[in-house]
Amino acid sequence: MGRAWNLAADLHGWAPSGLLDTYPAERHLAGARTMLHARAQVALRRGHDAAAEALRTTHR
């Protein structure tokens, strides 16, 4: 859920208890996933072995 939606729900009194407390954990997970994708892309660009070549060919 978007942070604005969470904040609006809390301000208007219809958010479940603790909704705003979930934000740091949600963002940490999203950040970790983004870093994993970035590292995978770097590995594909740097790799010079047969496996890296096969991945590059597959994902063109």
PDB file of N, CA and C in Angstrom:
ATOM      1  N   MET A   1       0.835  -1.180   0.000  1.00  0.00           N
ATOM      2  CA  MET A   1       0.000   0.000   0.000  1.00  0.00           C
ATOM      3  C   MET A   1       0.875   1.237   0.000  1.00  0.00           C
ATOM      4  N   GLY A   2       0.388   2.282  -0.591  1.00  0.00           N
ATOM      5  CA  GLY A   2       1.150   3.514  -0.616  1.00  0.00           C
ATOM      6  C   GLY A   2       1.185   4.183   0.737  1.00  0.00           C
ATOM      7  N   ARG A   3       2.287   4.833   0.988  1.00  0.00           N
ATOM      8  CA  ARG A   3       2.456   5.517   2.273  1.00  0.00           C
ATOM      9  C   ARG A   3       1.400   6.597   2.469  1.00  0.00           C
ATOM     10  N   ALA A   4       1.021   7.308   1.418  1.00  0.00           N
ATOM     11  CA  ALA A   4      -0.010   8.348   1.537  1.00  0.00           C
ATOM     12  C   ALA A   4      -1.340   7.731   1.953  1.00  0.00           C
ATOM     13  N   TRP A   5      -1.680   6.583   1.382  1.00  0.00           N
ATOM     14  CA  TRP A   5      -2.921   5.906   1.741  1.00  0.00           C
ATOM     15  C   TRP A   5      -2.886   5.515   3.215  1.00  0.00           C
ATOM     16  N   ASN A   6      -1.759   4.970   3.659  1.00  0.00           N
ATOM     17  CA  ASN A   6      -1.618   4.569   5.063  1.00  0.00           C
ATOM     18  C   ASN A   6      -1.780   5.764   5.989  1.00  0.00           C
ATOM     19  N   LEU A   7      -1.149   6.859   5.662  1.00  0.00           N
ATOM     20  CA  LEU A   7      -1.219   8.057   6.490  1.00  0.00           C
ATOM     21  C   LEU A   7      -2.640   8.612   6.521  1.00  0.00           C
ATOM     22  N   ALA A   8      -3.288   8.653   5.359  1.00  0.00           N
ATOM     23  CA  ALA A   8      -4.670   9.145   5.314  1.00  0.00           C
ATOM     24  C   ALA A   8      -5.587   8.260   6.151  1.00  0.00           C
ATOM     25  N   ALA A   9      -5.420   6.960   6.044  1.00  0.00           N
ATOM     26  CA  ALA A   9      -6.245   6.036   6.827  1.00  0.00           C
ATOM     27  C   ALA A   9      -6.040   6.255   8.319  1.00  0.00           C
ATOM     28  N   ASP A  10      -4.803   6.462   8.711  1.00  0.00           N
ATOM     29  CA  ASP A  10      -4.516   6.695  10.129  1.00  0.00           C
ATOM     30  C   ASP A  10      -5.113   8.023  10.597  1.00  0.00           C
ATOM     31  N   LEU A  11      -4.951   9.052   9.802  1.00  0.00           N
ATOM     32  CA  LEU A  11      -5.479  10.367  10.175  1.00  0.00           C
ATOM     33  C   LEU A  11      -7.002  10.384  10.259  1.00  0.00           C
ATOM     34  N   HIS A  12      -7.667   9.615   9.402  1.00  0.00           N
ATOM     35  CA  HIS A  12      -9.126   9.601   9.379  1.00  0.00           C
ATOM     36  C   HIS A  12      -9.719   8.543  10.309  1.00  0.00           C
ATOM     37  N   GLY A  13      -8.858   7.771  10.950  1.00  0.00           N
ATOM     38  CA  GLY A  13      -9.322   6.831  11.963  1.00  0.00           C
ATOM     39  C   GLY A  13      -9.818   5.490  11.462  1.00  0.00           C
ATOM     40  N   TRP A  14      -9.612   5.155  10.198  1.00  0.00           N
ATOM     41  CA  TRP A  14     -10.074   3.866   9.709  1.00  0.00           C
ATOM     42  C   TRP A  14      -8.945   2.891   9.392  1.00  0.00           C
ATOM     43  N   ALA A  15      -7.732   3.217   9.833  1.00  0.00           N
ATOM     44  CA  ALA A  15      -6.599   2.302   9.645  1.00  0.00           C
ATOM     45  C   ALA A  15      -6.568   1.283  10.779  1.00  0.00           C
ATOM     46  N   PRO A  16      -6.181   0.064  10.484  1.00  0.00           N
ATOM     47  CA  PRO A  16      -6.015  -0.904  11.569  1.00  0.00           C
ATOM     48  C   PRO A  16      -4.874  -0.479  12.493  1.00  0.00           C
ATOM     49  N   SER A  17      -4.944  -0.917  13.705  1.00  0.00           N
ATOM     50  CA  SER A  17      -3.910  -0.575  14.681  1.00  0.00           C
ATOM     51  C   SER A  17      -2.539  -1.044  14.196  1.00  0.00           C
ATOM     52  N   GLY A  18      -1.548  -0.163  14.276  1.00  0.00           N
ATOM     53  CA  GLY A  18      -0.180  -0.521  13.918  1.00  0.00           C
ATOM     54  C   GLY A  18       0.136  -0.444  12.434  1.00  0.00           C
ATOM     55  N   LEU A  19      -0.786   0.069  11.622  1.00  0.00           N
ATOM     56  CA  LEU A  19      -0.545   0.115  10.176  1.00  0.00           C
ATOM     57  C   LEU A  19       0.714   0.906   9.839  1.00  0.00           C
ATOM     58  N   LEU A  20       0.913   2.039  10.479  1.00  0.00           N
ATOM     59  CA  LEU A  20       2.086   2.857  10.158  1.00  0.00           C
ATOM     60  C   LEU A  20       3.391   2.200  10.628  1.00  0.00           C
ATOM     61  N   ASP A  21       3.299   1.268  11.558  1.00  0.00           N
ATOM     62  CA  ASP A  21       4.496   0.583  12.042  1.00  0.00           C
ATOM     63  C   ASP A  21       5.056  -0.415  11.031  1.00  0.00           C
ATOM     64  N   THR A  22       4.267  -0.771  10.028  1.00  0.00           N
ATOM     65  CA  THR A  22       4.725  -1.762   9.049  1.00  0.00           C
ATOM     66  C   THR A  22       5.612  -1.153   7.971  1.00  0.00           C
ATOM     67  N   TYR A  23       5.628   0.162   7.860  1.00  0.00           N
ATOM     68  CA  TYR A  23       6.340   0.826   6.758  1.00  0.00           C
ATOM     69  C   TYR A  23       7.831   0.499   6.697  1.00  0.00           C
ATOM     70  N   PRO A  24       8.590   0.614   7.791  1.00  0.00           N
ATOM     71  CA  PRO A  24      10.032   0.331   7.682  1.00  0.00           C
ATOM     72  C   PRO A  24      10.332  -1.082   7.182  1.00  0.00           C
ATOM     73  N   ALA A  25       9.596  -2.063   7.657  1.00  0.00           N
ATOM     74  CA  ALA A  25       9.842  -3.441   7.207  1.00  0.00           C
ATOM     75  C   ALA A  25       9.507  -3.600   5.730  1.00  0.00           C
ATOM     76  N   GLU A  26       8.415  -2.975   5.281  1.00  0.00           N
ATOM     77  CA  GLU A  26       8.037  -3.064   3.876  1.00  0.00           C
ATOM     78  C   GLU A  26       9.096  -2.412   2.989  1.00  0.00           C
ATOM     79  N   ARG A  27       9.593  -1.261   3.372  1.00  0.00           N
ATOM     80  CA  ARG A  27      10.578  -0.552   2.564  1.00  0.00           C
ATOM     81  C   ARG A  27      11.910  -1.287   2.571  1.00  0.00           C
ATOM     82  N   HIS A  28      12.270  -1.899   3.699  1.00  0.00           N
ATOM     83  CA  HIS A  28      13.521  -2.651   3.765  1.00  0.00           C
ATOM     84  C   HIS A  28      13.470  -3.812   2.769  1.00  0.00           C
ATOM     85  N   LEU A  29      12.350  -4.512   2.721  1.00  0.00           N
ATOM     86  CA  LEU A  29      12.197  -5.625   1.791  1.00  0.00           C
ATOM     87  C   LEU A  29      12.285  -5.135   0.345  1.00  0.00           C
ATOM     88  N   ALA A  30      11.626  -4.029   0.041  1.00  0.00           N
ATOM     89  CA  ALA A  30      11.672  -3.481  -1.322  1.00  0.00           C
ATOM     90  C   ALA A  30      13.095  -3.061  -1.691  1.00  0.00           C
ATOM     91  N   GLY A  31      13.805  -2.466  -0.763  1.00  0.00           N
ATOM     92  CA  GLY A  31      15.187  -2.053  -1.018  1.00  0.00           C
ATOM     93  C   GLY A  31      16.096  -3.249  -1.247  1.00  0.00           C
ATOM     94  N   ALA A  32      15.908  -4.292  -0.451  1.00  0.00           N
ATOM     95  CA  ALA A  32      16.723  -5.501  -0.612  1.00  0.00           C
ATOM     96  C   ALA A  32      16.467  -6.147  -1.970  1.00  0.00           C
ATOM     97  N   ARG A  33      15.207  -6.163  -2.400  1.00  0.00           N
ATOM     98  CA  ARG A  33      14.859  -6.735  -3.698  1.00  0.00           C
ATOM     99  C   ARG A  33      15.485  -5.917  -4.836  1.00  0.00           C
ATOM    100  N   THR A  34      15.474  -4.596  -4.708  1.00  0.00           N
ATOM    101  CA  THR A  34      16.073  -3.727  -5.718  1.00  0.00           C
ATOM    102  C   THR A  34      17.580  -3.963  -5.804  1.00  0.00           C
ATOM    103  N   MET A  35      18.229  -4.096  -4.655  1.00  0.00           N
ATOM    104  CA  MET A  35      19.675  -4.363  -4.648  1.00  0.00           C
ATOM    105  C   MET A  35      19.988  -5.716  -5.293  1.00  0.00           C
ATOM    106  N   LEU A  36      19.169  -6.723  -5.034  1.00  0.00           N
ATOM    107  CA  LEU A  36      19.376  -8.039  -5.641  1.00  0.00           C
ATOM    108  C   LEU A  36      19.287  -7.948  -7.160  1.00  0.00           C
ATOM    109  N   HIS A  37      18.289  -7.215  -7.658  1.00  0.00           N
ATOM    110  CA  HIS A  37      18.142  -7.057  -9.106  1.00  0.00           C
ATOM    111  C   HIS A  37      19.326  -6.296  -9.697  1.00  0.00           C
ATOM    112  N   ALA A  38      19.778  -5.260  -9.020  1.00  0.00           N
ATOM    113  CA  ALA A  38      20.917  -4.475  -9.513  1.00  0.00           C
ATOM    114  C   ALA A  38      22.177  -5.327  -9.561  1.00  0.00           C
ATOM    115  N   ARG A  39      22.403  -6.119  -8.535  1.00  0.00           N
ATOM    116  CA  ARG A  39      23.587  -6.991  -8.515  1.00  0.00           C
ATOM    117  C   ARG A  39      23.525  -8.033  -9.627  1.00  0.00           C
ATOM    118  N   ALA A  40      22.330  -8.560  -9.884  1.00  0.00           N
ATOM    119  CA  ALA A  40      22.179  -9.538 -10.961  1.00  0.00           C
ATOM    120  C   ALA A  40      22.489  -8.903 -12.314  1.00  0.00           C
ATOM    121  N   GLN A  41      22.039  -7.677 -12.516  1.00  0.00           N
ATOM    122  CA  GLN A  41      22.318  -6.988 -13.774  1.00  0.00           C
ATOM    123  C   GLN A  41      23.805  -6.724 -13.952  1.00  0.00           C
ATOM    124  N   VAL A  42      24.474  -6.341 -12.877  1.00  0.00           N
ATOM    125  CA  VAL A  42      25.925  -6.114 -12.944  1.00  0.00           C
ATOM    126  C   VAL A  42      26.641  -7.423 -13.260  1.00  0.00           C
ATOM    127  N   ALA A  43      26.210  -8.503 -12.626  1.00  0.00           N
ATOM    128  CA  ALA A  43      26.837  -9.801 -12.880  1.00  0.00           C
ATOM    129  C   ALA A  43      26.670 -10.210 -14.344  1.00  0.00           C
ATOM    130  N   LEU A  44      25.508  -9.940 -14.910  1.00  0.00           N
ATOM    131  CA  LEU A  44      25.294 -10.267 -16.324  1.00  0.00           C
ATOM    132  C   LEU A  44      26.201  -9.447 -17.227  1.00  0.00           C
ATOM    133  N   ARG A  45      26.396  -8.188 -16.888  1.00  0.00           N
ATOM    134  CA  ARG A  45      27.222  -7.322 -17.730  1.00  0.00           C
ATOM    135  C   ARG A  45      28.695  -7.659 -17.605  1.00  0.00           C
ATOM    136  N   ARG A  46      29.125  -8.120 -16.441  1.00  0.00           N
ATOM    137  CA  ARG A  46      30.548  -8.397 -16.224  1.00  0.00           C
ATOM    138  C   ARG A  46      30.961  -9.804 -16.600  1.00  0.00           C
ATOM    139  N   GLY A  47      30.031 -10.741 -16.534  1.00  0.00           N
ATOM    140  CA  GLY A  47      30.372 -12.143 -16.749  1.00  0.00           C
ATOM    141  C   GLY A  47      30.876 -12.411 -18.147  1.00  0.00           C
ATOM    142  N   HIS A  48      31.892 -13.237 -18.240  1.00  0.00           N
ATOM    143  CA  HIS A  48      32.459 -13.583 -19.548  1.00  0.00           C
ATOM    144  C   HIS A  48      32.530 -15.092 -19.721  1.00  0.00           C
ATOM    145  N   ASP A  49      31.693 -15.807 -18.970  1.00  0.00           N
ATOM    146  CA  ASP A  49      31.692 -17.257 -19.109  1.00  0.00           C
ATOM    147  C   ASP A  49      30.462 -17.693 -19.908  1.00  0.00           C
ATOM    148  N   ALA A  50      30.362 -18.965 -20.150  1.00  0.00           N
ATOM    149  CA  ALA A  50      29.263 -19.489 -20.980  1.00  0.00           C
ATOM    150  C   ALA A  50      27.897 -19.234 -20.347  1.00  0.00           C
ATOM    151  N   ALA A  51      27.801 -19.340 -19.036  1.00  0.00           N
ATOM    152  CA  ALA A  51      26.514 -19.122 -18.354  1.00  0.00           C
ATOM    153  C   ALA A  51      26.060 -17.677 -18.506  1.00  0.00           C
ATOM    154  N   ALA A  52      26.968 -16.729 -18.351  1.00  0.00           N
ATOM    155  CA  ALA A  52      26.625 -15.310 -18.494  1.00  0.00           C
ATOM    156  C   ALA A  52      26.215 -15.000 -19.930  1.00  0.00           C
ATOM    157  N   GLU A  53      26.917 -15.590 -20.886  1.00  0.00           N
ATOM    158  CA  GLU A  53      26.566 -15.387 -22.290  1.00  0.00           C
ATOM    159  C   GLU A  53      25.171 -15.934 -22.589  1.00  0.00           C
ATOM    160  N   ALA A  54      24.848 -17.092 -22.020  1.00  0.00           N
ATOM    161  CA  ALA A  54      23.531 -17.695 -22.235  1.00  0.00           C
ATOM    162  C   ALA A  54      22.446 -16.808 -21.641  1.00  0.00           C
ATOM    163  N   LEU A  55      22.670 -16.263 -20.469  1.00  0.00           N
ATOM    164  CA  LEU A  55      21.697 -15.367 -19.845  1.00  0.00           C
ATOM    165  C   LEU A  55      21.502 -14.105 -20.668  1.00  0.00           C
ATOM    166  N   ARG A  56      22.601 -13.526 -21.139  1.00  0.00           N
ATOM    167  CA  ARG A  56      22.495 -12.310 -21.955  1.00  0.00           C
ATOM    168  C   ARG A  56      21.702 -12.596 -23.233  1.00  0.00           C
ATOM    169  N   THR A  57      21.948 -13.729 -23.839  1.00  0.00           N
ATOM    170  CA  THR A  57      21.236 -14.096 -25.065  1.00  0.00           C
ATOM    171  C   THR A  57      19.749 -14.285 -24.772  1.00  0.00           C
ATOM    172  N   THR A  58      19.432 -14.916 -23.650  1.00  0.00           N
ATOM    173  CA  THR A  58      18.043 -15.182 -23.277  1.00  0.00           C
ATOM    174  C   THR A  58      17.283 -13.905 -22.987  1.00  0.00           C
ATOM    175  N   HIS A  59      17.935 -12.931 -22.394  1.00  0.00           N
ATOM    176  CA  HIS A  59      17.242 -11.722 -21.915  1.00  0.00           C
ATOM    177  C   HIS A  59      17.424 -10.516 -22.816  1.00  0.00           C
ATOM    178  N   ARG A  60      17.677 -10.721 -24.069  1.00  0.00           N
ATOM    179  CA  ARG A  60      17.793  -9.599 -25.011  1.00  0.00           C
ATOM    180  C   ARG A  60      16.439  -9.166 -25.483  1.00  0.00           C
TER     181      ARG A  60
END
